[in-house]
N, C-alpha and C. Protein backbone atom coordinates (compact mmCIF):
# COMPACT_ATOMS: atom_id res chain seq x y z
N MET A 1 -363.13 61.71 195.97
CA MET A 1 -362.09 61.91 194.97
C MET A 1 -362.72 62.02 193.61
N PRO A 2 -362.19 62.89 192.85
CA PRO A 2 -362.77 63.03 191.50
C PRO A 2 -362.45 61.82 190.65
N VAL A 3 -363.43 61.43 189.85
CA VAL A 3 -363.26 60.27 188.97
C VAL A 3 -362.70 60.76 187.65
N MET A 4 -361.62 60.15 187.24
CA MET A 4 -360.96 60.53 185.98
C MET A 4 -361.22 59.46 184.94
N ASN A 5 -361.55 59.91 183.73
CA ASN A 5 -361.77 58.98 182.62
C ASN A 5 -360.44 58.50 182.06
N ALA A 6 -360.26 57.17 182.02
CA ALA A 6 -359.01 56.60 181.48
C ALA A 6 -359.11 56.48 179.97
N THR A 7 -358.12 56.93 179.30
CA THR A 7 -358.06 56.86 177.83
C THR A 7 -356.97 55.88 177.44
N PRO A 8 -357.19 55.15 176.39
CA PRO A 8 -356.15 54.19 175.98
C PRO A 8 -354.88 54.88 175.59
N ALA A 9 -353.75 54.26 175.95
CA ALA A 9 -352.45 54.85 175.65
C ALA A 9 -352.19 54.89 174.16
N THR A 10 -352.60 53.84 173.47
CA THR A 10 -352.37 53.78 172.02
C THR A 10 -353.67 53.47 171.35
N THR A 11 -353.89 54.02 170.18
CA THR A 11 -355.10 53.80 169.40
C THR A 11 -354.71 53.25 168.05
N LYS A 12 -355.64 52.47 167.50
CA LYS A 12 -355.42 51.91 166.17
C LYS A 12 -356.25 52.69 165.17
N THR A 13 -355.74 52.81 164.02
CA THR A 13 -356.46 53.50 162.95
C THR A 13 -357.55 52.61 162.43
N GLN A 14 -358.48 53.24 161.72
CA GLN A 14 -359.60 52.49 161.18
C GLN A 14 -359.16 51.47 160.16
N ALA A 15 -358.10 51.79 159.40
CA ALA A 15 -357.61 50.85 158.39
C ALA A 15 -356.99 49.64 158.99
N GLU A 16 -356.36 49.83 160.24
CA GLU A 16 -355.70 48.70 160.85
C GLU A 16 -356.69 47.80 161.55
N THR A 17 -357.76 48.41 162.09
CA THR A 17 -358.71 47.61 162.86
C THR A 17 -359.69 46.87 161.97
N GLU A 18 -360.00 47.39 160.77
CA GLU A 18 -360.95 46.73 159.91
C GLU A 18 -360.31 45.51 159.23
N PRO A 19 -360.96 44.39 159.22
CA PRO A 19 -360.38 43.20 158.57
C PRO A 19 -360.40 43.32 157.05
N ARG A 20 -359.41 42.67 156.41
CA ARG A 20 -359.33 42.72 154.95
C ARG A 20 -360.18 41.60 154.36
N THR A 21 -360.72 41.91 153.21
CA THR A 21 -361.49 40.90 152.50
C THR A 21 -360.54 39.97 151.75
N ASP A 22 -361.12 38.85 151.24
CA ASP A 22 -360.28 37.90 150.49
C ASP A 22 -359.71 38.51 149.24
N GLY A 23 -360.48 39.30 148.52
CA GLY A 23 -359.98 39.93 147.28
C GLY A 23 -358.84 40.87 147.55
N GLU A 24 -358.95 41.68 148.62
CA GLU A 24 -357.86 42.60 148.95
C GLU A 24 -356.61 41.85 149.32
N THR A 25 -356.78 40.73 150.06
CA THR A 25 -355.60 39.95 150.46
C THR A 25 -354.88 39.37 149.25
N GLU A 26 -355.63 38.82 148.28
CA GLU A 26 -355.02 38.25 147.09
C GLU A 26 -354.34 39.32 146.25
N THR A 27 -354.97 40.51 146.14
CA THR A 27 -354.37 41.60 145.37
C THR A 27 -353.07 42.05 145.98
N ALA A 28 -353.04 42.16 147.31
CA ALA A 28 -351.81 42.58 147.98
C ALA A 28 -350.72 41.54 147.82
N ALA A 29 -351.08 40.27 147.93
CA ALA A 29 -350.07 39.21 147.78
C ALA A 29 -349.51 39.19 146.37
N THR A 30 -350.38 39.41 145.37
CA THR A 30 -349.92 39.42 143.98
C THR A 30 -348.99 40.59 143.72
N ALA A 31 -349.32 41.74 144.29
CA ALA A 31 -348.47 42.92 144.11
C ALA A 31 -347.12 42.72 144.74
N GLU A 32 -347.07 42.09 145.93
CA GLU A 32 -345.79 41.84 146.57
C GLU A 32 -344.95 40.82 145.79
N ALA A 33 -345.63 39.78 145.25
CA ALA A 33 -344.88 38.74 144.52
C ALA A 33 -344.35 39.24 143.19
N THR A 34 -345.07 40.15 142.53
CA THR A 34 -344.67 40.61 141.20
C THR A 34 -343.81 41.84 141.23
N SER A 35 -343.55 42.39 142.38
CA SER A 35 -342.74 43.60 142.47
C SER A 35 -341.32 43.24 142.85
N THR A 36 -340.39 44.06 142.44
CA THR A 36 -338.97 43.91 142.77
C THR A 36 -338.56 45.05 143.66
N PRO A 37 -337.37 44.96 144.29
CA PRO A 37 -336.93 46.08 145.14
C PRO A 37 -336.86 47.38 144.40
N GLY A 38 -336.58 47.36 143.09
CA GLY A 38 -336.51 48.61 142.34
C GLY A 38 -337.84 49.09 141.87
N GLY A 39 -338.87 48.30 142.08
CA GLY A 39 -340.20 48.74 141.67
C GLY A 39 -340.62 48.22 140.35
N ALA A 40 -339.75 47.46 139.62
CA ALA A 40 -340.10 46.95 138.30
C ALA A 40 -340.73 45.59 138.45
N PRO A 41 -341.75 45.26 137.71
CA PRO A 41 -342.41 43.95 137.82
C PRO A 41 -341.50 42.86 137.32
N ALA A 42 -341.43 41.75 138.07
CA ALA A 42 -340.57 40.62 137.67
C ALA A 42 -341.30 39.67 136.76
N GLU A 43 -342.62 39.54 136.89
CA GLU A 43 -343.39 38.64 136.06
C GLU A 43 -344.57 39.40 135.49
N THR A 44 -345.17 38.82 134.49
CA THR A 44 -346.32 39.45 133.87
C THR A 44 -347.51 39.38 134.80
N ALA A 45 -348.14 40.51 135.05
CA ALA A 45 -349.29 40.56 135.94
C ALA A 45 -350.47 39.89 135.31
N PRO A 46 -351.42 39.42 136.13
CA PRO A 46 -352.62 38.79 135.55
C PRO A 46 -353.37 39.75 134.65
N GLY A 47 -353.79 39.22 133.48
CA GLY A 47 -354.52 40.05 132.54
C GLY A 47 -353.64 40.75 131.54
N ALA A 48 -352.29 40.67 131.70
CA ALA A 48 -351.40 41.33 130.75
C ALA A 48 -351.28 40.50 129.49
N ALA A 49 -350.82 41.13 128.39
CA ALA A 49 -350.68 40.44 127.11
C ALA A 49 -349.56 39.42 127.18
N PRO A 50 -349.72 38.22 126.60
CA PRO A 50 -348.66 37.19 126.65
C PRO A 50 -347.44 37.64 125.88
N GLU A 51 -346.29 37.10 126.30
CA GLU A 51 -345.05 37.46 125.64
C GLU A 51 -344.96 36.80 124.27
N THR A 52 -344.33 37.50 123.35
CA THR A 52 -344.16 36.98 121.99
C THR A 52 -343.02 35.98 121.97
N PRO A 53 -343.21 34.75 121.44
CA PRO A 53 -342.12 33.77 121.43
C PRO A 53 -340.99 34.24 120.55
N ASP A 54 -339.77 34.03 121.01
CA ASP A 54 -338.61 34.46 120.24
C ASP A 54 -338.25 33.42 119.19
N ALA A 55 -337.20 33.70 118.43
CA ALA A 55 -336.79 32.82 117.33
C ALA A 55 -336.27 31.49 117.84
N THR A 56 -335.69 31.49 119.05
CA THR A 56 -335.16 30.25 119.61
C THR A 56 -336.26 29.24 119.87
N ASP A 57 -337.39 29.74 120.44
CA ASP A 57 -338.52 28.83 120.70
C ASP A 57 -339.07 28.27 119.40
N THR A 58 -339.14 29.10 118.35
CA THR A 58 -339.65 28.63 117.06
C THR A 58 -338.76 27.56 116.47
N GLU A 59 -337.43 27.76 116.58
CA GLU A 59 -336.51 26.75 116.05
C GLU A 59 -336.62 25.45 116.82
N ASP A 60 -336.85 25.56 118.17
CA ASP A 60 -337.00 24.34 118.96
C ASP A 60 -338.21 23.55 118.54
N ARG A 61 -339.30 24.27 118.18
CA ARG A 61 -340.50 23.57 117.75
C ARG A 61 -340.31 22.91 116.39
N LEU A 62 -339.46 23.49 115.54
CA LEU A 62 -339.27 22.96 114.19
C LEU A 62 -338.23 21.85 114.15
N GLU A 63 -337.47 21.66 115.22
CA GLU A 63 -336.42 20.66 115.19
C GLU A 63 -336.94 19.25 114.93
N PRO A 64 -338.04 18.79 115.55
CA PRO A 64 -338.52 17.44 115.24
C PRO A 64 -338.86 17.24 113.78
N GLU A 65 -339.45 18.24 113.11
CA GLU A 65 -339.78 18.09 111.70
C GLU A 65 -338.52 18.00 110.86
N ASP A 66 -337.51 18.83 111.21
CA ASP A 66 -336.26 18.76 110.47
C ASP A 66 -335.60 17.40 110.63
N GLU A 67 -335.70 16.82 111.84
CA GLU A 67 -335.11 15.51 112.05
C GLU A 67 -335.83 14.44 111.23
N LEU A 68 -337.15 14.56 111.11
CA LEU A 68 -337.90 13.60 110.30
C LEU A 68 -337.51 13.69 108.84
N ASP A 69 -337.33 14.94 108.33
CA ASP A 69 -336.91 15.11 106.94
C ASP A 69 -335.53 14.52 106.72
N ALA A 70 -334.64 14.72 107.71
CA ALA A 70 -333.28 14.19 107.57
C ALA A 70 -333.27 12.67 107.57
N GLU A 71 -334.21 12.06 108.31
CA GLU A 71 -334.28 10.61 108.33
C GLU A 71 -334.96 10.05 107.09
N THR A 72 -335.89 10.82 106.48
CA THR A 72 -336.60 10.34 105.31
C THR A 72 -335.73 10.38 104.06
N ALA A 73 -334.86 11.41 103.96
CA ALA A 73 -334.03 11.56 102.76
C ALA A 73 -333.11 10.36 102.53
N PRO A 74 -332.34 9.89 103.54
CA PRO A 74 -331.52 8.71 103.30
C PRO A 74 -332.33 7.47 102.98
N ALA A 75 -333.54 7.36 103.55
CA ALA A 75 -334.37 6.20 103.26
C ALA A 75 -334.77 6.17 101.79
N ARG A 76 -335.14 7.35 101.25
CA ARG A 76 -335.50 7.41 99.84
C ARG A 76 -334.30 7.10 98.96
N ALA A 77 -333.14 7.66 99.32
CA ALA A 77 -331.94 7.39 98.52
C ALA A 77 -331.57 5.92 98.56
N GLY A 78 -331.69 5.28 99.75
CA GLY A 78 -331.39 3.85 99.85
C GLY A 78 -332.36 3.00 99.07
N PHE A 79 -333.62 3.42 98.99
CA PHE A 79 -334.62 2.68 98.22
C PHE A 79 -334.26 2.69 96.74
N GLY A 80 -333.90 3.83 96.19
CA GLY A 80 -333.53 3.92 94.78
C GLY A 80 -332.25 3.16 94.47
N ALA A 81 -331.26 3.26 95.37
CA ALA A 81 -330.00 2.54 95.15
C ALA A 81 -330.22 1.04 95.19
N GLY A 82 -331.08 0.57 96.10
CA GLY A 82 -331.37 -0.85 96.17
C GLY A 82 -332.04 -1.37 94.91
N ALA A 83 -333.00 -0.60 94.39
CA ALA A 83 -333.68 -1.00 93.16
C ALA A 83 -332.70 -1.05 91.99
N ALA A 84 -331.83 -0.05 91.89
CA ALA A 84 -330.85 -0.03 90.80
C ALA A 84 -329.87 -1.20 90.91
N ALA A 85 -329.50 -1.55 92.14
CA ALA A 85 -328.58 -2.67 92.32
C ALA A 85 -329.22 -3.98 91.87
N VAL A 86 -330.50 -4.18 92.20
CA VAL A 86 -331.20 -5.39 91.76
C VAL A 86 -331.29 -5.44 90.24
N VAL A 87 -331.54 -4.29 89.61
CA VAL A 87 -331.61 -4.24 88.15
C VAL A 87 -330.26 -4.61 87.54
N ALA A 88 -329.18 -4.11 88.14
CA ALA A 88 -327.85 -4.43 87.62
C ALA A 88 -327.58 -5.93 87.72
N GLY A 89 -327.94 -6.53 88.84
CA GLY A 89 -327.74 -7.97 88.97
C GLY A 89 -328.57 -8.77 87.98
N ALA A 90 -329.80 -8.35 87.75
CA ALA A 90 -330.67 -9.05 86.79
C ALA A 90 -330.13 -8.93 85.37
N LEU A 91 -329.68 -7.74 85.01
CA LEU A 91 -329.12 -7.55 83.67
C LEU A 91 -327.87 -8.41 83.46
N GLY A 92 -327.03 -8.49 84.51
CA GLY A 92 -325.83 -9.32 84.40
C GLY A 92 -326.16 -10.79 84.22
N ALA A 93 -327.17 -11.28 84.96
CA ALA A 93 -327.57 -12.69 84.81
C ALA A 93 -328.16 -12.96 83.43
N VAL A 94 -328.95 -12.02 82.93
CA VAL A 94 -329.57 -12.19 81.61
C VAL A 94 -328.52 -12.19 80.51
N SER A 95 -327.47 -11.40 80.68
CA SER A 95 -326.44 -11.36 79.64
C SER A 95 -325.72 -12.69 79.49
N LEU A 96 -325.72 -13.52 80.53
CA LEU A 96 -325.08 -14.84 80.46
C LEU A 96 -326.03 -15.92 79.97
N SER A 97 -327.29 -15.82 80.35
CA SER A 97 -328.26 -16.87 79.99
C SER A 97 -328.95 -16.62 78.66
N GLY A 98 -328.92 -15.39 78.17
CA GLY A 98 -329.61 -15.06 76.93
C GLY A 98 -330.97 -14.46 77.19
N THR A 99 -331.51 -13.80 76.18
CA THR A 99 -332.79 -13.11 76.32
C THR A 99 -333.73 -13.50 75.18
N TRP A 100 -335.00 -13.20 75.41
CA TRP A 100 -335.99 -13.42 74.37
C TRP A 100 -335.68 -12.55 73.15
N MET A 101 -335.21 -11.34 73.40
CA MET A 101 -334.87 -10.46 72.29
C MET A 101 -333.73 -11.02 71.46
N GLY A 102 -332.71 -11.54 72.13
CA GLY A 102 -331.58 -12.11 71.40
C GLY A 102 -332.00 -13.31 70.56
N LYS A 103 -332.88 -14.15 71.12
CA LYS A 103 -333.35 -15.31 70.37
C LYS A 103 -334.14 -14.90 69.14
N THR A 104 -334.99 -13.90 69.30
CA THR A 104 -335.82 -13.44 68.18
C THR A 104 -334.96 -12.84 67.07
N LEU A 105 -334.01 -12.02 67.45
CA LEU A 105 -333.15 -11.41 66.44
C LEU A 105 -332.25 -12.45 65.77
N SER A 106 -331.87 -13.46 66.52
CA SER A 106 -331.06 -14.53 65.93
C SER A 106 -331.86 -15.29 64.88
N GLU A 107 -333.11 -15.62 65.20
CA GLU A 107 -333.95 -16.30 64.22
C GLU A 107 -334.20 -15.42 63.00
N ARG A 108 -334.32 -14.15 63.21
CA ARG A 108 -334.52 -13.23 62.08
C ARG A 108 -333.29 -13.23 61.17
N ALA A 109 -332.10 -13.21 61.77
CA ALA A 109 -330.88 -13.24 60.97
C ALA A 109 -330.77 -14.55 60.19
N THR A 110 -331.20 -15.63 60.80
CA THR A 110 -331.18 -16.92 60.10
C THR A 110 -332.12 -16.91 58.90
N LEU A 111 -333.31 -16.37 59.09
CA LEU A 111 -334.27 -16.30 57.99
C LEU A 111 -333.76 -15.43 56.86
N ILE A 112 -333.15 -14.31 57.19
CA ILE A 112 -332.61 -13.43 56.15
C ILE A 112 -331.50 -14.16 55.38
N GLY A 113 -330.67 -14.89 56.10
CA GLY A 113 -329.60 -15.64 55.42
C GLY A 113 -330.14 -16.70 54.49
N GLN A 114 -331.20 -17.37 54.90
CA GLN A 114 -331.80 -18.38 54.03
C GLN A 114 -332.36 -17.75 52.76
N ILE A 115 -332.99 -16.59 52.90
CA ILE A 115 -333.55 -15.92 51.73
C ILE A 115 -332.45 -15.51 50.77
N LYS A 116 -331.35 -14.99 51.29
CA LYS A 116 -330.27 -14.52 50.44
C LYS A 116 -329.59 -15.66 49.68
N THR A 117 -329.47 -16.80 50.29
CA THR A 117 -328.73 -17.90 49.67
C THR A 117 -329.64 -18.98 49.08
N SER A 118 -330.94 -18.71 49.01
CA SER A 118 -331.85 -19.75 48.49
C SER A 118 -331.69 -19.95 46.99
N GLN A 119 -331.46 -18.89 46.25
CA GLN A 119 -331.35 -18.99 44.80
C GLN A 119 -329.96 -19.44 44.38
N SER A 120 -329.01 -18.69 44.83
CA SER A 120 -327.63 -19.03 44.45
C SER A 120 -326.71 -18.64 45.60
N GLY A 121 -325.83 -19.48 45.93
CA GLY A 121 -324.90 -19.21 47.01
C GLY A 121 -324.06 -20.43 47.30
N THR A 122 -322.82 -20.18 47.56
CA THR A 122 -321.91 -21.28 47.85
C THR A 122 -322.14 -21.77 49.28
N ALA A 123 -321.51 -22.87 49.58
CA ALA A 123 -321.64 -23.43 50.92
C ALA A 123 -321.06 -22.48 51.98
N ALA A 124 -319.95 -21.82 51.66
CA ALA A 124 -319.34 -20.89 52.60
C ALA A 124 -320.27 -19.71 52.87
N GLN A 125 -320.93 -19.22 51.79
CA GLN A 125 -321.88 -18.12 51.98
C GLN A 125 -323.07 -18.54 52.83
N GLN A 126 -323.58 -19.74 52.59
CA GLN A 126 -324.70 -20.22 53.39
C GLN A 126 -324.33 -20.34 54.87
N ILE A 127 -323.12 -20.82 55.12
CA ILE A 127 -322.68 -20.94 56.52
C ILE A 127 -322.60 -19.56 57.18
N GLN A 128 -322.05 -18.61 56.45
CA GLN A 128 -321.88 -17.27 57.00
C GLN A 128 -323.22 -16.57 57.20
N GLU A 129 -324.07 -16.64 56.21
CA GLU A 129 -325.34 -15.91 56.26
C GLU A 129 -326.34 -16.56 57.22
N ILE A 130 -326.38 -17.87 57.23
CA ILE A 130 -327.40 -18.54 58.03
C ILE A 130 -326.92 -18.79 59.47
N TYR A 131 -325.73 -19.32 59.60
CA TYR A 131 -325.24 -19.69 60.92
C TYR A 131 -324.42 -18.57 61.57
N GLY A 132 -323.48 -18.01 60.84
CA GLY A 132 -322.58 -17.00 61.40
C GLY A 132 -323.30 -15.74 61.86
N ASN A 133 -324.19 -15.20 61.00
CA ASN A 133 -324.90 -13.97 61.37
C ASN A 133 -325.81 -14.17 62.59
N SER A 134 -326.45 -15.33 62.64
CA SER A 134 -327.30 -15.62 63.79
C SER A 134 -326.48 -15.70 65.09
N TRP A 135 -325.34 -16.36 65.01
CA TRP A 135 -324.45 -16.48 66.17
C TRP A 135 -323.96 -15.12 66.63
N HIS A 136 -323.56 -14.28 65.70
CA HIS A 136 -323.04 -12.95 66.03
C HIS A 136 -324.13 -12.03 66.56
N THR A 137 -325.35 -12.19 66.05
CA THR A 137 -326.44 -11.36 66.56
C THR A 137 -326.74 -11.68 68.02
N THR A 138 -326.74 -12.96 68.35
CA THR A 138 -326.96 -13.35 69.75
C THR A 138 -325.87 -12.80 70.66
N ALA A 139 -324.63 -12.88 70.19
CA ALA A 139 -323.52 -12.36 70.98
C ALA A 139 -323.62 -10.85 71.17
N LEU A 140 -324.07 -10.15 70.13
CA LEU A 140 -324.18 -8.70 70.22
C LEU A 140 -325.26 -8.28 71.22
N VAL A 141 -326.40 -8.95 71.19
CA VAL A 141 -327.48 -8.61 72.13
C VAL A 141 -327.06 -8.90 73.57
N ASN A 142 -326.45 -10.04 73.79
CA ASN A 142 -325.98 -10.36 75.14
C ASN A 142 -324.92 -9.36 75.62
N GLY A 143 -324.09 -8.91 74.71
CA GLY A 143 -323.08 -7.92 75.09
C GLY A 143 -323.70 -6.59 75.49
N VAL A 144 -324.79 -6.21 74.83
CA VAL A 144 -325.47 -4.96 75.21
C VAL A 144 -326.04 -5.05 76.62
N PHE A 145 -326.66 -6.18 76.94
CA PHE A 145 -327.20 -6.36 78.30
C PHE A 145 -326.07 -6.39 79.34
N ALA A 146 -324.96 -7.00 78.99
CA ALA A 146 -323.83 -7.04 79.92
C ALA A 146 -323.27 -5.64 80.15
N LEU A 147 -323.22 -4.83 79.12
CA LEU A 147 -322.73 -3.46 79.27
C LEU A 147 -323.67 -2.63 80.14
N LEU A 148 -324.98 -2.82 79.97
CA LEU A 148 -325.94 -2.10 80.81
C LEU A 148 -325.78 -2.50 82.29
N ALA A 149 -325.59 -3.80 82.53
CA ALA A 149 -325.38 -4.25 83.91
C ALA A 149 -324.14 -3.63 84.52
N LEU A 150 -323.09 -3.55 83.73
CA LEU A 150 -321.84 -2.96 84.22
C LEU A 150 -322.02 -1.48 84.55
N ILE A 151 -322.71 -0.75 83.69
CA ILE A 151 -322.90 0.69 83.90
C ILE A 151 -323.78 0.96 85.12
N VAL A 152 -324.90 0.25 85.21
CA VAL A 152 -325.82 0.49 86.34
C VAL A 152 -325.15 0.12 87.66
N GLY A 153 -324.48 -1.02 87.71
CA GLY A 153 -323.80 -1.42 88.94
C GLY A 153 -322.71 -0.45 89.34
N ALA A 154 -321.94 0.04 88.37
CA ALA A 154 -320.87 0.99 88.68
C ALA A 154 -321.44 2.31 89.19
N VAL A 155 -322.56 2.75 88.63
CA VAL A 155 -323.18 3.99 89.09
C VAL A 155 -323.66 3.86 90.53
N VAL A 156 -324.25 2.71 90.87
CA VAL A 156 -324.71 2.50 92.25
C VAL A 156 -323.55 2.52 93.22
N LEU A 157 -322.45 1.88 92.86
CA LEU A 157 -321.29 1.84 93.76
C LEU A 157 -320.62 3.21 93.90
N ALA A 158 -320.62 4.00 92.82
CA ALA A 158 -319.96 5.30 92.85
C ALA A 158 -320.87 6.41 93.34
N ARG A 159 -322.16 6.15 93.51
CA ARG A 159 -323.11 7.20 93.91
C ARG A 159 -322.76 7.87 95.23
N PRO A 160 -322.38 7.17 96.30
CA PRO A 160 -322.08 7.87 97.56
C PRO A 160 -320.95 8.89 97.45
N ALA A 161 -320.00 8.67 96.53
CA ALA A 161 -318.89 9.61 96.40
C ALA A 161 -319.33 10.96 95.84
N PHE A 162 -320.45 11.00 95.13
CA PHE A 162 -320.94 12.25 94.55
C PHE A 162 -322.23 12.72 95.21
N GLY A 163 -322.59 12.11 96.33
CA GLY A 163 -323.82 12.49 97.03
C GLY A 163 -323.59 13.61 98.01
N THR A 164 -324.60 13.85 98.86
CA THR A 164 -324.54 14.89 99.87
C THR A 164 -323.57 14.49 100.98
N PRO A 165 -322.63 15.37 101.36
CA PRO A 165 -321.71 15.00 102.45
C PRO A 165 -322.46 14.75 103.74
N GLY A 166 -322.03 13.76 104.49
CA GLY A 166 -322.66 13.43 105.76
C GLY A 166 -323.85 12.50 105.66
N ARG A 167 -324.25 12.17 104.46
CA ARG A 167 -325.39 11.26 104.32
C ARG A 167 -324.96 9.84 104.68
N ALA A 168 -325.90 9.09 105.22
CA ALA A 168 -325.60 7.73 105.66
C ALA A 168 -325.13 6.87 104.48
N GLU A 169 -324.23 5.93 104.77
CA GLU A 169 -323.72 5.05 103.73
C GLU A 169 -324.79 4.07 103.27
N GLN A 170 -324.56 3.50 102.09
CA GLN A 170 -325.50 2.53 101.55
C GLN A 170 -325.48 1.24 102.37
N PRO A 171 -326.60 0.55 102.44
CA PRO A 171 -326.60 -0.74 103.14
C PRO A 171 -325.65 -1.73 102.48
N VAL A 172 -325.22 -2.69 103.25
CA VAL A 172 -324.25 -3.66 102.74
C VAL A 172 -324.84 -4.48 101.60
N TRP A 173 -326.12 -4.85 101.71
CA TRP A 173 -326.71 -5.70 100.68
C TRP A 173 -326.80 -4.95 99.35
N VAL A 174 -326.98 -3.64 99.39
CA VAL A 174 -327.02 -2.85 98.15
C VAL A 174 -325.66 -2.89 97.46
N LYS A 175 -324.61 -2.71 98.23
CA LYS A 175 -323.27 -2.77 97.64
C LYS A 175 -322.97 -4.16 97.09
N ALA A 176 -323.40 -5.19 97.82
CA ALA A 176 -323.13 -6.55 97.37
C ALA A 176 -323.84 -6.87 96.07
N VAL A 177 -325.12 -6.51 95.97
CA VAL A 177 -325.87 -6.79 94.74
C VAL A 177 -325.33 -5.98 93.57
N ALA A 178 -324.98 -4.71 93.82
CA ALA A 178 -324.41 -3.88 92.75
C ALA A 178 -323.07 -4.43 92.28
N LEU A 179 -322.25 -4.89 93.22
CA LEU A 179 -320.96 -5.48 92.84
C LEU A 179 -321.16 -6.76 92.04
N ALA A 180 -322.17 -7.56 92.43
CA ALA A 180 -322.47 -8.77 91.65
C ALA A 180 -322.89 -8.41 90.23
N GLY A 181 -323.67 -7.34 90.08
CA GLY A 181 -324.06 -6.90 88.74
C GLY A 181 -322.86 -6.48 87.91
N VAL A 182 -321.91 -5.79 88.54
CA VAL A 182 -320.70 -5.37 87.81
C VAL A 182 -319.89 -6.59 87.37
N VAL A 183 -319.72 -7.54 88.28
CA VAL A 183 -318.93 -8.74 87.95
C VAL A 183 -319.59 -9.52 86.82
N LEU A 184 -320.91 -9.73 86.94
CA LEU A 184 -321.62 -10.45 85.88
C LEU A 184 -321.56 -9.69 84.55
N GLY A 185 -321.61 -8.37 84.63
CA GLY A 185 -321.50 -7.58 83.40
C GLY A 185 -320.15 -7.74 82.72
N VAL A 186 -319.09 -7.76 83.51
CA VAL A 186 -317.75 -7.94 82.93
C VAL A 186 -317.62 -9.33 82.30
N VAL A 187 -318.09 -10.34 83.04
CA VAL A 187 -318.02 -11.70 82.49
C VAL A 187 -318.87 -11.82 81.22
N GLY A 188 -320.06 -11.21 81.23
CA GLY A 188 -320.91 -11.25 80.05
C GLY A 188 -320.27 -10.56 78.85
N LEU A 189 -319.58 -9.45 79.10
CA LEU A 189 -318.90 -8.76 77.99
C LEU A 189 -317.79 -9.62 77.41
N LEU A 190 -317.04 -10.28 78.27
CA LEU A 190 -315.95 -11.13 77.77
C LEU A 190 -316.49 -12.30 76.94
N ILE A 191 -317.55 -12.92 77.43
CA ILE A 191 -318.14 -14.05 76.68
C ILE A 191 -318.73 -13.57 75.36
N SER A 192 -319.42 -12.44 75.38
CA SER A 192 -320.02 -11.93 74.15
C SER A 192 -318.95 -11.57 73.12
N ALA A 193 -317.87 -10.94 73.60
CA ALA A 193 -316.78 -10.60 72.68
C ALA A 193 -316.16 -11.86 72.08
N GLY A 194 -315.99 -12.91 72.91
CA GLY A 194 -315.43 -14.16 72.38
C GLY A 194 -316.36 -14.81 71.36
N MET A 195 -317.68 -14.75 71.61
CA MET A 195 -318.63 -15.30 70.65
C MET A 195 -318.62 -14.51 69.34
N TYR A 196 -318.59 -13.19 69.45
CA TYR A 196 -318.66 -12.36 68.24
C TYR A 196 -317.39 -12.52 67.39
N LEU A 197 -316.27 -12.70 68.04
CA LEU A 197 -315.00 -12.84 67.32
C LEU A 197 -314.66 -14.30 67.01
N ASP A 198 -315.57 -15.22 67.30
CA ASP A 198 -315.38 -16.65 67.03
C ASP A 198 -314.14 -17.20 67.73
N LEU A 199 -313.93 -16.76 68.97
CA LEU A 199 -312.77 -17.24 69.72
C LEU A 199 -313.05 -18.60 70.37
N PHE A 200 -314.26 -18.84 70.78
CA PHE A 200 -314.59 -20.10 71.45
C PHE A 200 -314.82 -21.24 70.45
N ALA A 201 -315.43 -20.88 69.32
CA ALA A 201 -315.69 -21.90 68.29
C ALA A 201 -315.74 -21.19 66.94
N ALA A 202 -314.92 -21.63 66.03
CA ALA A 202 -314.90 -21.03 64.70
C ALA A 202 -316.07 -21.55 63.88
N LEU A 203 -316.42 -20.78 62.83
CA LEU A 203 -317.49 -21.21 61.94
C LEU A 203 -317.09 -22.48 61.19
N PRO A 204 -318.06 -23.31 60.92
CA PRO A 204 -317.74 -24.54 60.15
C PRO A 204 -317.12 -24.19 58.80
N SER A 205 -316.17 -25.02 58.40
CA SER A 205 -315.47 -24.79 57.12
C SER A 205 -315.89 -25.84 56.11
N THR A 206 -315.92 -25.42 54.85
CA THR A 206 -316.28 -26.36 53.78
C THR A 206 -315.08 -27.19 53.31
N LYS A 207 -313.91 -26.86 53.77
CA LYS A 207 -312.72 -27.59 53.38
C LYS A 207 -312.67 -28.89 54.18
N GLY A 208 -312.22 -29.94 53.57
CA GLY A 208 -312.13 -31.22 54.20
C GLY A 208 -310.96 -31.35 55.15
């Protein structure tokens, strides 16, 4: 019997039979992952230029700095208000206890009165020039300090009404100290006015 050569029913192409290298496998996988059914790339291929960040990303990065500025502004405002409140309270206390300036000016008024009445002057003139002017000078200086305490304290209390809307309120201790300065200023003004007008004690009289 004649011998017939058997041929394979199906043959493979050279491309199918040759094994793929690692680089070819990775390239094919990357191409499949980055391609869409329509043929448009879904992600940026390796080696492509990075995407430019949009305005939203930039604003997100700047948000922490803006928050820090917003937190620092009320702190600075509270620091100044607290210092002004302490000044108002100190001025109010000084207006009641007296000051070095008031004492010095009072002694000066006394000296001037003595000079004026040393040569000739009645007893009533001596009382007015030496004692009365000194008393009134002290009252006037104390009244000035009381008025300053009243003004500074009132400004601290009224400051939030004219400030930036939405800003945090002043601490409680700032309001308390400023209110104390206002109260002491009012009391100091009343006492100074009574001293200057001789309401608490009249000048000595030469009449018996």
